[in-house]
Each structure stands twice: as structure tokens, then as C-alpha cells.
């Protein structure tokens, strides 16, 4: 039987830890559009939404959407084995 990864917030199950990590960012608010409130499944989808719907530039999108290094501000732990941000 395959291992299942369950969301502690809503109980939804995923077949991979990566999928659960993407989903966790949604609960943390990291995938919610600051301009219209739309909730995306993944951060990449939020970036596409901002570009297509709100016509934002790449620089404007970077200002609104957290980068990997900033996800910890949303309470989302980084993936195991993912590169960690360098101390400044």
C-alpha cells in the first residue's frame, strides 16, 4: 500500500510530501491573491494569475508573492533536503 500524507488542517490526503507541501501553503495564505482574494492551489498558479488577470510585471509579482526563502514567514516549513537560505 502506498504511503499517504495527510493535511493536519483539513484532513485531505496526498500521495507525495511535495503535493502536501504545496497544499499547506494554501492554508498559510501564501497562495491568496492580495488584489482580489482568489486562492490558488500553488504559488506558481498565483504568479500566473497575477500576470494574466492583473497584468503585473515580474518585479511587481516578486513584491507580492513570497519566494522560497520567505515561506517560513507563513509558517510553512521548507521541504526536507531543500536548500536553506543563507544567514545574512
Protein backbone atom coordinates (compact mmCIF):
# COMPACT_ATOMS: atom_id res chain seq x y z
CA UNK A 1 0.00 0.00 0.00
CA UNK A 2 1.28 3.48 -0.85
CA UNK A 3 2.21 5.94 1.85
CA UNK A 4 -0.29 8.76 2.29
CA UNK A 5 0.45 12.28 3.51
CA UNK A 6 -2.49 13.89 5.34
CA UNK A 7 -3.06 17.61 5.88
CA UNK A 8 -3.36 18.30 9.62
CA UNK A 9 -5.57 21.32 8.92
CA UNK A 10 -8.29 19.86 6.68
CA UNK A 11 -7.58 16.12 6.54
CA UNK A 12 -7.03 15.95 2.77
CA UNK A 13 -4.61 13.17 1.73
CA UNK A 14 -1.82 13.34 -0.83
CA UNK A 15 0.34 10.65 -2.37
CA UNK A 16 3.53 12.72 -2.05
CA UNK A 17 5.06 15.02 0.53
CA UNK A 18 5.69 17.62 -2.19
CA UNK A 19 1.96 17.80 -3.00
CA UNK A 20 1.13 18.17 0.68
CA UNK A 21 3.70 20.97 0.97
CA UNK A 22 2.09 22.84 -1.97
CA UNK A 23 -1.32 22.38 -0.32
CA UNK A 24 -0.03 23.62 3.07
CA UNK A 25 0.94 26.93 1.51
CA UNK A 26 -2.72 27.44 0.61
CA UNK A 27 -3.77 27.15 4.28
CA UNK A 28 -0.95 29.51 5.26
CA UNK A 29 -2.25 32.19 2.91
CA UNK A 30 0.78 32.07 0.64
CA UNK A 31 -1.39 31.39 -2.43
CA UNK A 32 -4.07 34.05 -1.89
CA UNK A 33 -4.17 36.99 -4.30
CA UNK A 34 -3.69 40.22 -2.36
CA UNK A 35 -5.59 42.12 -5.06
CA UNK A 36 -8.80 40.09 -5.43
CA UNK A 37 -8.70 37.34 -2.79
CA UNK A 38 -8.63 34.40 -5.22
CA UNK A 39 -6.99 31.34 -3.64
CA UNK A 40 -4.73 29.34 -5.94
CA UNK A 41 -3.65 25.74 -5.44
CA UNK A 42 0.02 26.53 -5.86
CA UNK A 43 2.25 29.58 -5.65
CA UNK A 44 3.14 29.19 -9.34
CA UNK A 45 -0.57 29.40 -10.18
CA UNK A 46 -0.86 32.59 -8.12
CA UNK A 47 2.03 34.13 -10.07
CA UNK A 48 0.34 33.22 -13.36
CA UNK A 49 -2.94 34.70 -12.10
CA UNK A 50 -1.22 37.98 -11.18
CA UNK A 51 0.44 38.18 -14.59
CA UNK A 52 -2.61 37.28 -16.71
CA UNK A 53 -5.53 38.73 -14.76
CA UNK A 54 -3.95 41.76 -13.08
CA UNK A 55 -1.31 42.42 -15.78
CA UNK A 56 1.51 42.81 -13.25
CA UNK A 57 5.16 42.87 -14.21
CA UNK A 58 7.63 40.27 -12.94
CA UNK A 59 9.01 42.84 -10.48
CA UNK A 60 5.53 43.61 -9.12
CA UNK A 61 4.79 39.90 -8.76
CA UNK A 62 8.03 39.32 -6.84
CA UNK A 63 6.99 42.09 -4.44
CA UNK A 64 3.61 40.44 -3.76
CA UNK A 65 4.41 36.71 -3.80
CA UNK A 66 6.89 35.26 -1.32
CA UNK A 67 9.96 33.48 -2.60
CA UNK A 68 11.02 30.09 -1.24
CA UNK A 69 13.26 31.74 1.32
CA UNK A 70 10.32 33.77 2.67
CA UNK A 71 7.81 30.91 3.05
CA UNK A 72 8.85 30.41 6.67
CA UNK A 73 7.12 33.73 7.41
CA UNK A 74 3.86 31.97 6.54
CA UNK A 75 4.61 29.10 8.93
CA UNK A 76 5.29 26.65 6.10
CA UNK A 77 8.36 24.53 6.78
CA UNK A 78 10.74 24.06 3.85
CA UNK A 79 10.84 20.70 2.11
CA UNK A 80 13.28 18.20 3.55
CA UNK A 81 16.51 18.44 1.55
CA UNK A 82 15.59 21.80 0.03
CA UNK A 83 18.36 24.40 0.01
CA UNK A 84 18.13 26.64 3.04
CA UNK A 85 18.54 30.43 2.86
CA UNK A 86 21.95 31.75 3.78
CA UNK A 87 22.16 33.70 7.04
CA UNK A 88 22.58 37.40 6.43
